[in-house]
């Protein structure tokens, strides 16, 4: 479950965190917030139009799309807030999880030398 939540947080930050997306270069935080909200509404409307015309969901509409996106984004925001708070306070469960995933990447990564005793011996 923690791996899934970590994936959600990393995905969220890659798109919505102003430290990573190009909107960070706009100096005014109010304008940054406005643009993020406008992009949210635009993409929700776009997915609503796709759902109506291409998928054929009859009772689906742009306001319904915005509502469904809010149902997805609000728990993601809460999950991100939990991880940010855990990083800020140095929560032991997060430190242990990050060390474990680092170790797993090292042990199962591309750079690990695997010895074949039949070939080497």
PDB file of N, CA and C in Angstrom:
ATOM      1  N   UNK A   1       0.825  -1.191   0.000  1.00  0.00           N
ATOM      2  CA  UNK A   1       0.000   0.000   0.000  1.00  0.00           C
ATOM      3  C   UNK A   1       0.873   1.260   0.000  1.00  0.00           C
ATOM      4  N   UNK A   2       1.987   1.211   0.750  1.00  0.00           N
ATOM      5  CA  UNK A   2       2.860   2.375   0.792  1.00  0.00           C
ATOM      6  C   UNK A   2       3.481   2.652  -0.569  1.00  0.00           C
ATOM      7  N   UNK A   3       3.765   1.606  -1.341  1.00  0.00           N
ATOM      8  CA  UNK A   3       4.330   1.812  -2.675  1.00  0.00           C
ATOM      9  C   UNK A   3       3.336   2.542  -3.561  1.00  0.00           C
ATOM     10  N   UNK A   4       2.054   2.162  -3.463  1.00  0.00           N
ATOM     11  CA  UNK A   4       1.028   2.837  -4.249  1.00  0.00           C
ATOM     12  C   UNK A   4       0.911   4.294  -3.830  1.00  0.00           C
ATOM     13  N   UNK A   5       0.896   4.547  -2.525  1.00  0.00           N
ATOM     14  CA  UNK A   5       0.789   5.925  -2.043  1.00  0.00           C
ATOM     15  C   UNK A   5       2.008   6.740  -2.457  1.00  0.00           C
ATOM     16  N   UNK A   6       3.190   6.127  -2.427  1.00  0.00           N
ATOM     17  CA  UNK A   6       4.392   6.821  -2.869  1.00  0.00           C
ATOM     18  C   UNK A   6       4.295   7.147  -4.364  1.00  0.00           C
ATOM     19  N   UNK A   7       3.765   6.225  -5.153  1.00  0.00           N
ATOM     20  CA  UNK A   7       3.547   6.479  -6.580  1.00  0.00           C
ATOM     21  C   UNK A   7       2.573   7.632  -6.783  1.00  0.00           C
ATOM     22  N   UNK A   8       1.504   7.660  -5.999  1.00  0.00           N
ATOM     23  CA  UNK A   8       0.512   8.737  -6.103  1.00  0.00           C
ATOM     24  C   UNK A   8       1.167  10.074  -5.780  1.00  0.00           C
ATOM     25  N   UNK A   9       1.970  10.106  -4.716  1.00  0.00           N
ATOM     26  CA  UNK A   9       2.614  11.360  -4.318  1.00  0.00           C
ATOM     27  C   UNK A   9       3.595  11.821  -5.383  1.00  0.00           C
ATOM     28  N   UNK A  10       4.419  10.916  -5.911  1.00  0.00           N
ATOM     29  CA  UNK A  10       5.379  11.299  -6.938  1.00  0.00           C
ATOM     30  C   UNK A  10       4.681  11.756  -8.216  1.00  0.00           C
ATOM     31  N   UNK A  11       3.589  11.095  -8.579  1.00  0.00           N
ATOM     32  CA  UNK A  11       2.832  11.503  -9.764  1.00  0.00           C
ATOM     33  C   UNK A  11       2.207  12.874  -9.560  1.00  0.00           C
ATOM     34  N   UNK A  12       1.642  13.075  -8.386  1.00  0.00           N
ATOM     35  CA  UNK A  12       1.029  14.359  -8.061  1.00  0.00           C
ATOM     36  C   UNK A  12       2.061  15.476  -8.147  1.00  0.00           C
ATOM     37  N   UNK A  13       3.210  15.262  -7.538  1.00  0.00           N
ATOM     38  CA  UNK A  13       4.230  16.299  -7.500  1.00  0.00           C
ATOM     39  C   UNK A  13       4.795  16.597  -8.876  1.00  0.00           C
ATOM     40  N   UNK A  14       4.873  15.602  -9.732  1.00  0.00           N
ATOM     41  CA  UNK A  14       5.440  15.843 -11.063  1.00  0.00           C
ATOM     42  C   UNK A  14       4.553  16.748 -11.913  1.00  0.00           C
ATOM     43  N   UNK A  15       3.247  16.765 -11.626  1.00  0.00           N
ATOM     44  CA  UNK A  15       2.341  17.594 -12.415  1.00  0.00           C
ATOM     45  C   UNK A  15       1.889  18.834 -11.644  1.00  0.00           C
ATOM     46  N   UNK A  16       1.538  18.685 -10.398  1.00  0.00           N
ATOM     47  CA  UNK A  16       0.876  19.750  -9.664  1.00  0.00           C
ATOM     48  C   UNK A  16       1.782  20.561  -8.742  1.00  0.00           C
ATOM     49  N   UNK A  17       2.973  20.097  -8.465  1.00  0.00           N
ATOM     50  CA  UNK A  17       3.857  20.812  -7.545  1.00  0.00           C
ATOM     51  C   UNK A  17       4.603  21.904  -8.306  1.00  0.00           C
ATOM     52  N   UNK A  18       4.524  23.108  -7.820  1.00  0.00           N
ATOM     53  CA  UNK A  18       5.143  24.238  -8.510  1.00  0.00           C
ATOM     54  C   UNK A  18       6.671  24.193  -8.475  1.00  0.00           C
ATOM     55  N   UNK A  19       7.239  23.291  -7.714  1.00  0.00           N
ATOM     56  CA  UNK A  19       8.696  23.138  -7.754  1.00  0.00           C
ATOM     57  C   UNK A  19       9.139  22.407  -9.018  1.00  0.00           C
ATOM     58  N   UNK A  20       8.210  21.716  -9.696  1.00  0.00           N
ATOM     59  CA  UNK A  20       8.564  20.901 -10.852  1.00  0.00           C
ATOM     60  C   UNK A  20       7.950  21.363 -12.167  1.00  0.00           C
ATOM     61  N   UNK A  21       6.786  21.978 -12.137  1.00  0.00           N
ATOM     62  CA  UNK A  21       6.159  22.368 -13.405  1.00  0.00           C
ATOM     63  C   UNK A  21       6.566  23.780 -13.815  1.00  0.00           C
ATOM     64  N   UNK A  22       6.373  24.142 -15.085  1.00  0.00           N
ATOM     65  CA  UNK A  22       6.851  25.433 -15.594  1.00  0.00           C
ATOM     66  C   UNK A  22       6.172  26.667 -14.996  1.00  0.00           C
ATOM     67  N   UNK A  23       5.051  26.492 -14.339  1.00  0.00           N
ATOM     68  CA  UNK A  23       4.367  27.643 -13.743  1.00  0.00           C
ATOM     69  C   UNK A  23       5.194  28.232 -12.599  1.00  0.00           C
ATOM     70  N   UNK A  24       6.200  27.501 -12.115  1.00  0.00           N
ATOM     71  CA  UNK A  24       7.040  28.010 -11.023  1.00  0.00           C
ATOM     72  C   UNK A  24       7.791  29.281 -11.415  1.00  0.00           C
ATOM     73  N   UNK A  25       7.946  29.522 -12.717  1.00  0.00           N
ATOM     74  CA  UNK A  25       8.688  30.696 -13.169  1.00  0.00           C
ATOM     75  C   UNK A  25       7.861  31.976 -13.133  1.00  0.00           C
ATOM     76  N   UNK A  26       6.566  31.868 -12.874  1.00  0.00           N
ATOM     77  CA  UNK A  26       5.717  33.049 -12.725  1.00  0.00           C
ATOM     78  C   UNK A  26       5.884  33.543 -11.293  1.00  0.00           C
ATOM     79  N   UNK A  27       6.303  34.797 -11.095  1.00  0.00           N
ATOM     80  CA  UNK A  27       6.633  35.252  -9.741  1.00  0.00           C
ATOM     81  C   UNK A  27       5.435  35.494  -8.822  1.00  0.00           C
ATOM     82  N   UNK A  28       4.252  35.720  -9.364  1.00  0.00           N
ATOM     83  CA  UNK A  28       3.085  36.059  -8.552  1.00  0.00           C
ATOM     84  C   UNK A  28       2.342  34.788  -8.130  1.00  0.00           C
ATOM     85  N   UNK A  29       2.246  34.486  -6.822  1.00  0.00           N
ATOM     86  CA  UNK A  29       1.557  33.276  -6.377  1.00  0.00           C
ATOM     87  C   UNK A  29       0.063  33.275  -6.696  1.00  0.00           C
ATOM     88  N   UNK A  30      -0.567  34.447  -6.724  1.00  0.00           N
ATOM     89  CA  UNK A  30      -1.993  34.519  -7.058  1.00  0.00           C
ATOM     90  C   UNK A  30      -2.203  34.097  -8.512  1.00  0.00           C
ATOM     91  N   UNK A  31      -1.348  34.567  -9.407  1.00  0.00           N
ATOM     92  CA  UNK A  31      -1.446  34.189 -10.816  1.00  0.00           C
ATOM     93  C   UNK A  31      -1.139  32.706 -10.996  1.00  0.00           C
ATOM     94  N   UNK A  32      -0.194  32.185 -10.239  1.00  0.00           N
ATOM     95  CA  UNK A  32       0.102  30.754 -10.292  1.00  0.00           C
ATOM     96  C   UNK A  32      -1.138  29.942  -9.903  1.00  0.00           C
ATOM     97  N   UNK A  33      -1.794  30.339  -8.816  1.00  0.00           N
ATOM     98  CA  UNK A  33      -2.998  29.634  -8.368  1.00  0.00           C
ATOM     99  C   UNK A  33      -4.112  29.722  -9.397  1.00  0.00           C
ATOM    100  N   UNK A  34      -4.296  30.904  -9.968  1.00  0.00           N
ATOM    101  CA  UNK A  34      -5.320  31.075 -10.989  1.00  0.00           C
ATOM    102  C   UNK A  34      -5.063  30.169 -12.186  1.00  0.00           C
ATOM    103  N   UNK A  35      -3.823  30.135 -12.659  1.00  0.00           N
ATOM    104  CA  UNK A  35      -3.503  29.295 -13.814  1.00  0.00           C
ATOM    105  C   UNK A  35      -3.692  27.812 -13.510  1.00  0.00           C
ATOM    106  N   UNK A  36      -3.321  27.373 -12.313  1.00  0.00           N
ATOM    107  CA  UNK A  36      -3.523  25.970 -11.946  1.00  0.00           C
ATOM    108  C   UNK A  36      -5.017  25.640 -11.913  1.00  0.00           C
ATOM    109  N   UNK A  37      -5.827  26.543 -11.380  1.00  0.00           N
ATOM    110  CA  UNK A  37      -7.274  26.329 -11.346  1.00  0.00           C
ATOM    111  C   UNK A  37      -7.854  26.330 -12.757  1.00  0.00           C
ATOM    112  N   UNK A  38      -7.404  27.253 -13.585  1.00  0.00           N
ATOM    113  CA  UNK A  38      -7.893  27.304 -14.969  1.00  0.00           C
ATOM    114  C   UNK A  38      -7.514  26.029 -15.726  1.00  0.00           C
ATOM    115  N   UNK A  39      -6.302  25.548 -15.515  1.00  0.00           N
ATOM    116  CA  UNK A  39      -5.892  24.295 -16.170  1.00  0.00           C
ATOM    117  C   UNK A  39      -6.714  23.114 -15.668  1.00  0.00           C
ATOM    118  N   UNK A  40      -7.025  23.100 -14.366  1.00  0.00           N
ATOM    119  CA  UNK A  40      -7.851  22.043 -13.795  1.00  0.00           C
ATOM    120  C   UNK A  40      -9.234  22.017 -14.453  1.00  0.00           C
ATOM    121  N   UNK A  41      -9.862  23.181 -14.546  1.00  0.00           N
ATOM    122  CA  UNK A  41     -11.199  23.259 -15.151  1.00  0.00           C
ATOM    123  C   UNK A  41     -11.128  22.897 -16.636  1.00  0.00           C
ATOM    124  N   UNK A  42     -10.081  23.370 -17.329  1.00  0.00           N
ATOM    125  CA  UNK A  42      -9.945  23.077 -18.753  1.00  0.00           C
ATOM    126  C   UNK A  42      -9.813  21.574 -18.999  1.00  0.00           C
ATOM    127  N   UNK A  43      -8.946  20.904 -18.243  1.00  0.00           N
ATOM    128  CA  UNK A  43      -8.749  19.467 -18.457  1.00  0.00           C
ATOM    129  C   UNK A  43      -9.973  18.665 -18.028  1.00  0.00           C
ATOM    130  N   UNK A  44     -10.647  19.104 -16.965  1.00  0.00           N
ATOM    131  CA  UNK A  44     -11.878  18.423 -16.561  1.00  0.00           C
ATOM    132  C   UNK A  44     -12.932  18.537 -17.653  1.00  0.00           C
ATOM    133  N   UNK A  45     -13.063  19.739 -18.225  1.00  0.00           N
ATOM    134  CA  UNK A  45     -14.003  19.927 -19.331  1.00  0.00           C
ATOM    135  C   UNK A  45     -13.635  19.097 -20.543  1.00  0.00           C
ATOM    136  N   UNK A  46     -12.345  19.034 -20.836  1.00  0.00           N
ATOM    137  CA  UNK A  46     -11.876  18.243 -21.976  1.00  0.00           C
ATOM    138  C   UNK A  46     -12.226  16.771 -21.794  1.00  0.00           C
ATOM    139  N   UNK A  47     -11.943  16.231 -20.597  1.00  0.00           N
ATOM    140  CA  UNK A  47     -12.280  14.832 -20.355  1.00  0.00           C
ATOM    141  C   UNK A  47     -13.787  14.606 -20.349  1.00  0.00           C
ATOM    142  N   UNK A  48     -14.551  15.624 -19.904  1.00  0.00           N
ATOM    143  CA  UNK A  48     -16.010  15.514 -19.965  1.00  0.00           C
ATOM    144  C   UNK A  48     -16.512  15.439 -21.398  1.00  0.00           C
ATOM    145  N   UNK A  49     -15.950  16.265 -22.279  1.00  0.00           N
ATOM    146  CA  UNK A  49     -16.341  16.239 -23.699  1.00  0.00           C
ATOM    147  C   UNK A  49     -15.960  14.901 -24.324  1.00  0.00           C
ATOM    148  N   UNK A  50     -14.788  14.391 -23.997  1.00  0.00           N
ATOM    149  CA  UNK A  50     -14.386  13.075 -24.514  1.00  0.00           C
ATOM    150  C   UNK A  50     -15.352  12.000 -24.041  1.00  0.00           C
ATOM    151  N   UNK A  51     -15.714  12.053 -22.754  1.00  0.00           N
ATOM    152  CA  UNK A  51     -16.624  11.043 -22.214  1.00  0.00           C
ATOM    153  C   UNK A  51     -17.998  11.125 -22.868  1.00  0.00           C
ATOM    154  N   UNK A  52     -18.451  12.334 -23.178  1.00  0.00           N
ATOM    155  CA  UNK A  52     -19.779  12.491 -23.783  1.00  0.00           C
ATOM    156  C   UNK A  52     -19.780  12.013 -25.235  1.00  0.00           C
ATOM    157  N   UNK A  53     -18.818  12.471 -26.024  1.00  0.00           N
ATOM    158  CA  UNK A  53     -18.881  12.243 -27.460  1.00  0.00           C
ATOM    159  C   UNK A  53     -18.189  10.973 -27.927  1.00  0.00           C
ATOM    160  N   UNK A  54     -17.074  10.628 -27.320  1.00  0.00           N
ATOM    161  CA  UNK A  54     -16.320   9.489 -27.834  1.00  0.00           C
ATOM    162  C   UNK A  54     -16.600   8.191 -27.084  1.00  0.00           C
ATOM    163  N   UNK A  55     -16.833   8.283 -25.774  1.00  0.00           N
ATOM    164  CA  UNK A  55     -17.130   7.081 -25.011  1.00  0.00           C
ATOM    165  C   UNK A  55     -18.626   6.820 -25.011  1.00  0.00           C
ATOM    166  N   UNK A  56     -19.418   7.859 -25.150  1.00  0.00           N
ATOM    167  CA  UNK A  56     -20.864   7.707 -25.252  1.00  0.00           C
ATOM    168  C   UNK A  56     -21.589   7.671 -23.921  1.00  0.00           C
ATOM    169  N   UNK A  57     -21.002   8.253 -22.881  1.00  0.00           N
ATOM    170  CA  UNK A  57     -21.708   8.318 -21.612  1.00  0.00           C
ATOM    171  C   UNK A  57     -22.787   9.378 -21.729  1.00  0.00           C
ATOM    172  N   UNK A  58     -24.033   8.953 -21.743  1.00  0.00           N
ATOM    173  CA  UNK A  58     -25.158   9.835 -22.048  1.00  0.00           C
ATOM    174  C   UNK A  58     -25.358  10.926 -20.989  1.00  0.00           C
ATOM    175  N   UNK A  59     -25.405  10.577 -19.737  1.00  0.00           N
ATOM    176  CA  UNK A  59     -25.703  11.556 -18.687  1.00  0.00           C
ATOM    177  C   UNK A  59     -24.453  12.232 -18.132  1.00  0.00           C
ATOM    178  N   UNK A  60     -23.343  12.096 -18.809  1.00  0.00           N
ATOM    179  CA  UNK A  60     -22.086  12.698 -18.352  1.00  0.00           C
ATOM    180  C   UNK A  60     -21.989  14.113 -18.911  1.00  0.00           C
ATOM    181  N   UNK A  61     -21.510  15.037 -18.111  1.00  0.00           N
ATOM    182  CA  UNK A  61     -21.408  16.425 -18.546  1.00  0.00           C
ATOM    183  C   UNK A  61     -20.121  17.037 -18.016  1.00  0.00           C
ATOM    184  N   UNK A  62     -19.840  18.244 -18.445  1.00  0.00           N
ATOM    185  CA  UNK A  62     -18.641  18.941 -17.992  1.00  0.00           C
ATOM    186  C   UNK A  62     -18.696  19.183 -16.480  1.00  0.00           C
ATOM    187  N   UNK A  63     -19.807  19.666 -15.904  1.00  0.00           N
ATOM    188  CA  UNK A  63     -19.839  19.798 -14.432  1.00  0.00           C
ATOM    189  C   UNK A  63     -19.645  18.456 -13.718  1.00  0.00           C
ATOM    190  N   UNK A  64     -20.184  17.383 -14.289  1.00  0.00           N
ATOM    191  CA  UNK A  64     -19.981  16.059 -13.703  1.00  0.00           C
ATOM    192  C   UNK A  64     -18.501  15.678 -13.773  1.00  0.00           C
ATOM    193  N   UNK A  65     -17.842  16.028 -14.864  1.00  0.00           N
ATOM    194  CA  UNK A  65     -16.417  15.748 -14.999  1.00  0.00           C
ATOM    195  C   UNK A  65     -15.611  16.500 -13.944  1.00  0.00           C
ATOM    196  N   UNK A  66     -15.952  17.765 -13.730  1.00  0.00           N
ATOM    197  CA  UNK A  66     -15.256  18.549 -12.704  1.00  0.00           C
ATOM    198  C   UNK A  66     -15.492  17.931 -11.328  1.00  0.00           C
ATOM    199  N   UNK A  67     -16.705  17.496 -11.059  1.00  0.00           N
ATOM    200  CA  UNK A  67     -17.029  16.866  -9.781  1.00  0.00           C
ATOM    201  C   UNK A  67     -16.236  15.573  -9.589  1.00  0.00           C
ATOM    202  N   UNK A  68     -16.178  14.741 -10.624  1.00  0.00           N
ATOM    203  CA  UNK A  68     -15.449  13.475 -10.527  1.00  0.00           C
ATOM    204  C   UNK A  68     -13.951  13.733 -10.358  1.00  0.00           C
ATOM    205  N   UNK A  69     -13.428  14.718 -11.061  1.00  0.00           N
ATOM    206  CA  UNK A  69     -12.013  15.059 -10.890  1.00  0.00           C
ATOM    207  C   UNK A  69     -11.739  15.550  -9.464  1.00  0.00           C
ATOM    208  N   UNK A  70     -12.673  16.305  -8.905  1.00  0.00           N
ATOM    209  CA  UNK A  70     -12.505  16.732  -7.511  1.00  0.00           C
ATOM    210  C   UNK A  70     -12.499  15.521  -6.576  1.00  0.00           C
ATOM    211  N   UNK A  71     -13.341  14.522  -6.870  1.00  0.00           N
ATOM    212  CA  UNK A  71     -13.355  13.310  -6.056  1.00  0.00           C
ATOM    213  C   UNK A  71     -12.021  12.574  -6.132  1.00  0.00           C
ATOM    214  N   UNK A  72     -11.324  12.707  -7.229  1.00  0.00           N
ATOM    215  CA  UNK A  72     -10.018  12.061  -7.373  1.00  0.00           C
ATOM    216  C   UNK A  72      -8.919  12.931  -6.773  1.00  0.00           C
ATOM    217  N   UNK A  73      -8.989  14.228  -6.991  1.00  0.00           N
ATOM    218  CA  UNK A  73      -7.895  15.111  -6.590  1.00  0.00           C
ATOM    219  C   UNK A  73      -7.889  15.388  -5.086  1.00  0.00           C
ATOM    220  N   UNK A  74      -9.026  15.501  -4.454  1.00  0.00           N
ATOM    221  CA  UNK A  74      -9.050  15.821  -3.024  1.00  0.00           C
ATOM    222  C   UNK A  74      -8.338  14.744  -2.194  1.00  0.00           C
ATOM    223  N   UNK A  75      -8.616  13.440  -2.386  1.00  0.00           N
ATOM    224  CA  UNK A  75      -7.839  12.452  -1.631  1.00  0.00           C
ATOM    225  C   UNK A  75      -6.351  12.462  -1.989  1.00  0.00           C
ATOM    226  N   UNK A  76      -6.033  12.786  -3.230  1.00  0.00           N
ATOM    227  CA  UNK A  76      -4.628  12.871  -3.627  1.00  0.00           C
ATOM    228  C   UNK A  76      -3.949  14.029  -2.903  1.00  0.00           C
ATOM    229  N   UNK A  77      -4.631  15.148  -2.778  1.00  0.00           N
ATOM    230  CA  UNK A  77      -4.084  16.294  -2.052  1.00  0.00           C
ATOM    231  C   UNK A  77      -3.868  15.931  -0.584  1.00  0.00           C
ATOM    232  N   UNK A  78      -4.817  15.227   0.008  1.00  0.00           N
ATOM    233  CA  UNK A  78      -4.688  14.824   1.409  1.00  0.00           C
ATOM    234  C   UNK A  78      -3.506  13.868   1.579  1.00  0.00           C
ATOM    235  N   UNK A  79      -3.357  12.904   0.654  1.00  0.00           N
ATOM    236  CA  UNK A  79      -2.226  11.980   0.698  1.00  0.00           C
ATOM    237  C   UNK A  79      -0.909  12.735   0.571  1.00  0.00           C
ATOM    238  N   UNK A  80      -0.846  13.681  -0.348  1.00  0.00           N
ATOM    239  CA  UNK A  80       0.356  14.489  -0.506  1.00  0.00           C
ATOM    240  C   UNK A  80       0.655  15.270   0.772  1.00  0.00           C
ATOM    241  N   UNK A  81      -0.370  15.812   1.406  1.00  0.00           N
ATOM    242  CA  UNK A  81      -0.176  16.561   2.649  1.00  0.00           C
ATOM    243  C   UNK A  81       0.372  15.659   3.754  1.00  0.00           C
ATOM    244  N   UNK A  82      -0.096  14.429   3.824  1.00  0.00           N
ATOM    245  CA  UNK A  82       0.412  13.485   4.826  1.00  0.00           C
ATOM    246  C   UNK A  82       1.890  13.217   4.591  1.00  0.00           C
ATOM    247  N   UNK A  83       2.277  12.999   3.323  1.00  0.00           N
ATOM    248  CA  UNK A  83       3.682  12.742   3.017  1.00  0.00           C
ATOM    249  C   UNK A  83       4.537  13.980   3.276  1.00  0.00           C
ATOM    250  N   UNK A  84       4.048  15.157   2.953  1.00  0.00           N
ATOM    251  CA  UNK A  84       4.802  16.391   3.220  1.00  0.00           C
ATOM    252  C   UNK A  84       5.008  16.562   4.725  1.00  0.00           C
ATOM    253  N   UNK A  85       3.954  16.324   5.505  1.00  0.00           N
ATOM    254  CA  UNK A  85       4.076  16.431   6.953  1.00  0.00           C
ATOM    255  C   UNK A  85       5.046  15.388   7.497  1.00  0.00           C
ATOM    256  N   UNK A  86       5.001  14.173   6.962  1.00  0.00           N
ATOM    257  CA  UNK A  86       5.914  13.121   7.414  1.00  0.00           C
ATOM    258  C   UNK A  86       7.363  13.470   7.060  1.00  0.00           C
ATOM    259  N   UNK A  87       7.578  14.057   5.888  1.00  0.00           N
ATOM    260  CA  UNK A  87       8.929  14.476   5.511  1.00  0.00           C
ATOM    261  C   UNK A  87       9.416  15.607   6.403  1.00  0.00           C
ATOM    262  N   UNK A  88       8.529  16.525   6.732  1.00  0.00           N
ATOM    263  CA  UNK A  88       8.902  17.677   7.552  1.00  0.00           C
ATOM    264  C   UNK A  88       9.248  17.262   8.978  1.00  0.00           C
ATOM    265  N   UNK A  89       8.478  16.327   9.530  1.00  0.00           N
ATOM    266  CA  UNK A  89       8.698  15.916  10.921  1.00  0.00           C
ATOM    267  C   UNK A  89       9.657  14.744  11.046  1.00  0.00           C
ATOM    268  N   UNK A  90      10.051  14.150   9.925  1.00  0.00           N
ATOM    269  CA  UNK A  90      10.973  13.009   9.986  1.00  0.00           C
ATOM    270  C   UNK A  90      10.317  11.767  10.551  1.00  0.00           C
ATOM    271  N   UNK A  91       9.131  11.447  10.059  1.00  0.00           N
ATOM    272  CA  UNK A  91       8.376  10.292  10.555  1.00  0.00           C
ATOM    273  C   UNK A  91       9.162   8.998  10.331  1.00  0.00           C
ATOM    274  N   UNK A  92       9.266   8.170  11.367  1.00  0.00           N
ATOM    275  CA  UNK A  92      10.041   6.927  11.246  1.00  0.00           C
ATOM    276  C   UNK A  92       9.516   5.985  10.162  1.00  0.00           C
ATOM    277  N   UNK A  93       8.195   5.914   9.972  1.00  0.00           N
ATOM    278  CA  UNK A  93       7.650   5.003   8.969  1.00  0.00           C
ATOM    279  C   UNK A  93       8.064   5.418   7.566  1.00  0.00           C
ATOM    280  N   UNK A  94       8.151   6.727   7.313  1.00  0.00           N
ATOM    281  CA  UNK A  94       8.549   7.199   5.993  1.00  0.00           C
ATOM    282  C   UNK A  94      10.040   6.976   5.767  1.00  0.00           C
ATOM    283  N   UNK A  95      10.839   7.218   6.785  1.00  0.00           N
ATOM    284  CA  UNK A  95      12.281   6.988   6.657  1.00  0.00           C
ATOM    285  C   UNK A  95      12.551   5.512   6.388  1.00  0.00           C
ATOM    286  N   UNK A  96      11.879   4.641   7.130  1.00  0.00           N
ATOM    287  CA  UNK A  96      12.049   3.194   6.937  1.00  0.00           C
ATOM    288  C   UNK A  96      11.608   2.782   5.534  1.00  0.00           C
ATOM    289  N   UNK A  97      10.479   3.319   5.081  1.00  0.00           N
ATOM    290  CA  UNK A  97       9.975   2.987   3.746  1.00  0.00           C
ATOM    291  C   UNK A  97      10.940   3.447   2.666  1.00  0.00           C
ATOM    292  N   UNK A  98      11.446   4.674   2.776  1.00  0.00           N
ATOM    293  CA  UNK A  98      12.381   5.194   1.763  1.00  0.00           C
ATOM    294  C   UNK A  98      13.679   4.394   1.745  1.00  0.00           C
ATOM    295  N   UNK A  99      14.179   4.000   2.925  1.00  0.00           N
ATOM    296  CA  UNK A  99      15.388   3.180   2.976  1.00  0.00           C
ATOM    297  C   UNK A  99      15.136   1.819   2.343  1.00  0.00           C
ATOM    298  N   UNK A 100      13.975   1.253   2.597  1.00  0.00           N
ATOM    299  CA  UNK A 100      13.636  -0.057   2.046  1.00  0.00           C
ATOM    300  C   UNK A 100      13.520   0.016   0.519  1.00  0.00           C
ATOM    301  N   UNK A 101      12.874   1.050  -0.007  1.00  0.00           N
ATOM    302  CA  UNK A 101      12.746   1.149  -1.467  1.00  0.00           C
ATOM    303  C   UNK A 101      14.090   1.442  -2.116  1.00  0.00           C
ATOM    304  N   UNK A 102      14.959   2.214  -1.451  1.00  0.00           N
ATOM    305  CA  UNK A 102      16.300   2.449  -1.966  1.00  0.00           C
ATOM    306  C   UNK A 102      17.089   1.146  -2.028  1.00  0.00           C
ATOM    307  N   UNK A 103      16.959   0.316  -0.983  1.00  0.00           N
ATOM    308  CA  UNK A 103      17.648  -0.964  -0.933  1.00  0.00           C
ATOM    309  C   UNK A 103      17.111  -1.900  -2.011  1.00  0.00           C
ATOM    310  N   UNK A 104      15.786  -1.910  -2.203  1.00  0.00           N
ATOM    311  CA  UNK A 104      15.193  -2.761  -3.242  1.00  0.00           C
ATOM    312  C   UNK A 104      15.666  -2.336  -4.627  1.00  0.00           C
ATOM    313  N   UNK A 105      15.731  -1.046  -4.889  1.00  0.00           N
ATOM    314  CA  UNK A 105      16.212  -0.569  -6.182  1.00  0.00           C
ATOM    315  C   UNK A 105      17.666  -0.970  -6.387  1.00  0.00           C
ATOM    316  N   UNK A 106      18.446  -0.909  -5.306  1.00  0.00           N
ATOM    317  CA  UNK A 106      19.852  -1.280  -5.419  1.00  0.00           C
ATOM    318  C   UNK A 106      19.988  -2.781  -5.678  1.00  0.00           C
ATOM    319  N   UNK A 107      19.232  -3.586  -4.955  1.00  0.00           N
ATOM    320  CA  UNK A 107      19.367  -5.035  -5.100  1.00  0.00           C
ATOM    321  C   UNK A 107      18.786  -5.566  -6.401  1.00  0.00           C
ATOM    322  N   UNK A 108      17.770  -4.894  -6.935  1.00  0.00           N
ATOM    323  CA  UNK A 108      17.110  -5.370  -8.149  1.00  0.00           C
ATOM    324  C   UNK A 108      17.372  -4.459  -9.344  1.00  0.00           C
ATOM    325  N   UNK A 109      18.314  -3.567  -9.215  1.00  0.00           N
ATOM    326  CA  UNK A 109      18.595  -2.610 -10.280  1.00  0.00           C
ATOM    327  C   UNK A 109      19.458  -3.192 -11.382  1.00  0.00           C
ATOM    328  N   UNK A 110      19.723  -2.380 -12.382  1.00  0.00           N
ATOM    329  CA  UNK A 110      20.492  -2.800 -13.541  1.00  0.00           C
ATOM    330  C   UNK A 110      21.977  -2.925 -13.234  1.00  0.00           C
ATOM    331  N   UNK A 111      22.458  -2.217 -12.219  1.00  0.00           N
ATOM    332  CA  UNK A 111      23.884  -2.169 -11.960  1.00  0.00           C
ATOM    333  C   UNK A 111      24.383  -3.277 -11.043  1.00  0.00           C
ATOM    334  N   UNK A 112      23.516  -4.164 -10.627  1.00  0.00           N
ATOM    335  CA  UNK A 112      23.919  -5.229  -9.730  1.00  0.00           C
ATOM    336  C   UNK A 112      24.573  -6.339 -10.537  1.00  0.00           C
ATOM    337  N   UNK A 113      25.757  -6.774 -10.099  1.00  0.00           N
ATOM    338  CA  UNK A 113      26.469  -7.862 -10.768  1.00  0.00           C
ATOM    339  C   UNK A 113      25.940  -9.172 -10.218  1.00  0.00           C
ATOM    340  N   UNK A 114      25.466 -10.022 -11.099  1.00  0.00           N
ATOM    341  CA  UNK A 114      24.975 -11.321 -10.696  1.00  0.00           C
ATOM    342  C   UNK A 114      26.010 -12.368 -11.110  1.00  0.00           C
ATOM    343  N   UNK A 115      26.470 -13.127 -10.160  1.00  0.00           N
ATOM    344  CA  UNK A 115      27.484 -14.136 -10.432  1.00  0.00           C
ATOM    345  C   UNK A 115      26.825 -15.434 -10.855  1.00  0.00           C
ATOM    346  N   UNK A 116      27.273 -15.972 -11.944  1.00  0.00           N
ATOM    347  CA  UNK A 116      26.830 -17.291 -12.406  1.00  0.00           C
ATOM    348  C   UNK A 116      27.975 -18.248 -12.135  1.00  0.00           C
ATOM    349  N   UNK A 117      27.832 -19.044 -11.089  1.00  0.00           N
ATOM    350  CA  UNK A 117      28.919 -19.909 -10.667  1.00  0.00           C
ATOM    351  C   UNK A 117      29.268 -20.959 -11.719  1.00  0.00           C
ATOM    352  N   UNK A 118      28.314 -21.341 -12.539  1.00  0.00           N
ATOM    353  CA  UNK A 118      28.579 -22.343 -13.580  1.00  0.00           C
ATOM    354  C   UNK A 118      29.518 -21.762 -14.650  1.00  0.00           C
ATOM    355  N   UNK A 119      29.342 -20.510 -14.993  1.00  0.00           N
ATOM    356  CA  UNK A 119      30.189 -19.878 -16.016  1.00  0.00           C
ATOM    357  C   UNK A 119      31.509 -19.418 -15.419  1.00  0.00           C
ATOM    358  N   UNK A 120      31.468 -18.893 -14.193  1.00  0.00           N
ATOM    359  CA  UNK A 120      32.658 -18.312 -13.604  1.00  0.00           C
ATOM    360  C   UNK A 120      33.601 -19.366 -13.005  1.00  0.00           C
ATOM    361  N   UNK A 121      33.054 -20.477 -12.542  1.00  0.00           N
ATOM    362  CA  UNK A 121      33.861 -21.477 -11.816  1.00  0.00           C
ATOM    363  C   UNK A 121      34.449 -22.478 -12.666  1.00  0.00           C
TER     364      UNK A 121
END
